[in-house]
């Protein structure tokens, strides 16, 4: 082998080593990125499952009260918190028929948020829905009677 060929082989070997090190660095970085995305996706999927479960629990409740509440999910999801806000939606009454419907049903806007900490960042997902809850006429009539009796009693005491 000539001296020139040995020099070329050395340069080729060094060049191959540089290309190989760049490829290995890129591969390691991509694996690190994929692992980070996998962890993030796992947290988001867990939060979505918890949001759907909590929303289902809320939907089957026969009565919903306006207001805010919050809590922490149980094990193994104790790192996740929920915040709930329920508001009654009042509609404009356009006809007597709608007025009658207003007495039998009420519309409740439900906003639910699930949050968690991932490292130093706080993350969250949110969902909302509009629930239609049936108002029992008997309860409403009883409430009206109580109000009338209270006003009669109040009129006698003045």
Protein backbone atom coordinates (compact mmCIF):
# COMPACT_ATOMS: atom_id res chain seq x y z
CA UNK A 1 0.00 0.00 0.00
CA UNK A 2 1.21 3.44 -0.82
CA UNK A 3 1.46 6.25 1.64
CA UNK A 4 -1.26 8.21 -0.19
CA UNK A 5 -3.74 5.34 0.13
CA UNK A 6 -3.13 5.07 3.88
CA UNK A 7 -3.91 8.79 4.23
CA UNK A 8 -7.11 8.43 2.26
CA UNK A 9 -8.19 5.45 4.35
CA UNK A 10 -7.61 7.45 7.54
CA UNK A 11 -9.66 10.40 6.22
CA UNK A 12 -12.41 8.00 5.10
CA UNK A 13 -12.45 6.36 8.54
CA UNK A 14 -12.65 9.73 10.33
CA UNK A 15 -15.43 10.89 8.00
CA UNK A 16 -17.35 7.67 8.59
CA UNK A 17 -16.92 8.12 12.34
CA UNK A 18 -18.30 11.71 12.17
CA UNK A 19 -21.32 10.60 10.10
CA UNK A 20 -21.93 7.70 12.49
CA UNK A 21 -21.75 9.96 15.58
CA UNK A 22 -24.22 12.43 14.01
CA UNK A 23 -26.63 9.57 13.24
CA UNK A 24 -26.34 8.15 16.77
CA UNK A 25 -26.92 11.59 18.34
CA UNK A 26 -30.02 12.15 16.19
CA UNK A 27 -31.36 8.70 17.07
CA UNK A 28 -30.86 9.23 20.82
CA UNK A 29 -32.56 12.64 20.64
CA UNK A 30 -35.53 11.18 18.77
CA UNK A 31 -35.91 8.40 21.36
CA UNK A 32 -35.82 10.99 24.16
CA UNK A 33 -38.46 13.07 22.36
CA UNK A 34 -40.67 10.02 21.76
CA UNK A 35 -40.42 9.05 25.46
CA UNK A 36 -41.43 12.60 26.51
CA UNK A 37 -44.39 12.63 24.10
CA UNK A 38 -45.43 9.19 25.34
CA UNK A 39 -45.47 10.38 28.99
CA UNK A 40 -47.42 13.52 28.04
CA UNK A 41 -49.93 11.50 26.02
CA UNK A 42 -50.36 9.07 28.91
CA UNK A 43 -51.24 11.96 31.26
CA UNK A 44 -53.67 13.53 28.77
CA UNK A 45 -55.41 10.20 28.13
CA UNK A 46 -55.75 9.61 31.89
CA UNK A 47 -57.14 13.14 32.35
CA UNK A 48 -59.61 12.61 29.50
CA UNK A 49 -60.78 9.32 31.03
CA UNK A 50 -61.24 11.02 34.41
CA UNK A 51 -63.10 13.95 32.81
CA UNK A 52 -65.50 11.60 31.02
CA UNK A 53 -66.08 9.53 34.16
CA UNK A 54 -66.76 12.58 36.34
CA UNK A 55 -69.06 14.12 33.70
CA UNK A 56 -71.02 10.84 33.56
CA UNK A 57 -71.41 10.89 37.34
CA UNK A 58 -72.74 14.45 37.13
CA UNK A 59 -75.14 13.64 34.29
CA UNK A 60 -76.89 10.85 36.21
CA UNK A 61 -77.50 12.94 39.33
CA UNK A 62 -81.24 13.61 39.63
CA UNK A 63 -80.64 17.09 41.09
CA UNK A 64 -77.93 19.59 40.30
CA UNK A 65 -77.29 22.64 42.39
CA UNK A 66 -75.73 25.80 41.06
CA UNK A 67 -72.27 26.63 42.32
CA UNK A 68 -68.67 25.51 42.33
CA UNK A 69 -66.97 22.47 43.80
CA UNK A 70 -63.62 20.76 43.50
CA UNK A 71 -61.78 17.68 44.63
CA UNK A 72 -59.01 15.19 44.06
CA UNK A 73 -59.46 11.84 42.35
CA UNK A 74 -58.75 8.69 44.35
CA UNK A 75 -55.88 6.24 43.94
CA UNK A 76 -54.22 5.62 41.52
CA UNK A 77 -55.17 9.01 40.05
CA UNK A 78 -54.52 11.16 43.14
CA UNK A 79 -52.26 13.50 41.12
CA UNK A 80 -55.33 14.75 39.23
CA UNK A 81 -57.74 17.40 40.54
CA UNK A 82 -61.19 18.41 39.29
CA UNK A 83 -63.05 21.72 39.38
CA UNK A 84 -66.77 21.92 38.64
CA UNK A 85 -69.02 24.88 37.98
CA UNK A 86 -72.78 24.54 37.47
CA UNK A 87 -75.01 27.43 36.37
CA UNK A 88 -78.68 27.44 35.52
CA UNK A 89 -79.28 28.84 32.05
CA UNK A 90 -82.24 31.19 31.92
CA UNK A 91 -83.98 31.50 28.58
CA UNK A 92 -86.14 34.31 27.22
CA UNK A 93 -89.79 33.38 27.34
CA UNK A 94 -91.31 33.92 23.90
CA UNK A 95 -94.67 32.18 24.31
CA UNK A 96 -96.98 30.65 26.90
CA UNK A 97 -95.98 27.17 25.72
CA UNK A 98 -92.32 27.91 26.44
CA UNK A 99 -93.34 29.29 29.82
CA UNK A 100 -95.04 25.98 30.59
CA UNK A 101 -91.92 24.06 29.46
CA UNK A 102 -89.82 26.32 31.66
CA UNK A 103 -91.74 25.00 34.66
CA UNK A 104 -91.13 21.33 33.80
CA UNK A 105 -87.46 21.44 32.84
CA UNK A 106 -84.43 23.53 33.65
CA UNK A 107 -81.21 23.88 31.72
CA UNK A 108 -77.93 23.52 33.59
CA UNK A 109 -74.56 24.49 32.10
CA UNK A 110 -71.82 22.25 33.48
CA UNK A 111 -68.14 23.22 33.18
CA UNK A 112 -65.66 20.59 34.34
CA UNK A 113 -61.88 20.91 34.41
CA UNK A 114 -59.25 18.26 35.22
CA UNK A 115 -55.76 19.49 36.08
CA UNK A 116 -52.43 17.99 37.07
CA UNK A 117 -48.77 18.90 37.50
CA UNK A 118 -46.20 17.48 35.16
CA UNK A 119 -42.78 18.53 36.32
CA UNK A 120 -42.89 22.27 36.89
CA UNK A 121 -45.80 22.80 34.47
CA UNK A 122 -49.47 22.78 35.35
CA UNK A 123 -51.62 21.17 32.67
CA UNK A 124 -55.37 20.87 32.29
CA UNK A 125 -58.20 19.79 30.04
CA UNK A 126 -61.78 21.01 30.21
CA UNK A 127 -65.19 19.97 29.02
CA UNK A 128 -68.63 21.46 29.23
CA UNK A 129 -72.15 20.39 28.50
CA UNK A 130 -75.73 21.56 28.80
CA UNK A 131 -77.95 19.27 30.85
CA UNK A 132 -81.73 19.30 30.85
CA UNK A 133 -83.10 18.40 34.26
CA UNK A 134 -86.74 17.62 34.83
CA UNK A 135 -88.42 19.69 37.52
CA UNK A 136 -90.97 17.75 39.52
CA UNK A 137 -94.27 19.63 39.41
CA UNK A 138 -95.27 18.27 42.81
CA UNK A 139 -92.15 19.77 44.36
CA UNK A 140 -92.79 23.05 42.59
CA UNK A 141 -96.44 23.13 43.65
CA UNK A 142 -95.44 22.31 47.24
CA UNK A 143 -92.91 25.13 47.16
CA UNK A 144 -95.55 27.53 45.84
CA UNK A 145 -97.99 26.46 48.59
CA UNK A 146 -95.31 26.96 51.24
CA UNK A 147 -94.55 30.41 49.84
CA UNK A 148 -98.25 31.33 49.85
CA UNK A 149 -98.68 30.07 53.41
CA UNK A 150 -95.61 31.99 54.51
CA UNK A 151 -96.93 35.16 52.90
CA UNK A 152 -100.35 34.66 54.57
CA UNK A 153 -98.68 34.09 57.91
CA UNK A 154 -96.49 37.11 57.31
CA UNK A 155 -99.57 39.23 56.49
CA UNK A 156 -101.24 38.28 59.79
CA UNK A 157 -98.22 39.16 61.90
CA UNK A 158 -97.89 42.70 60.55
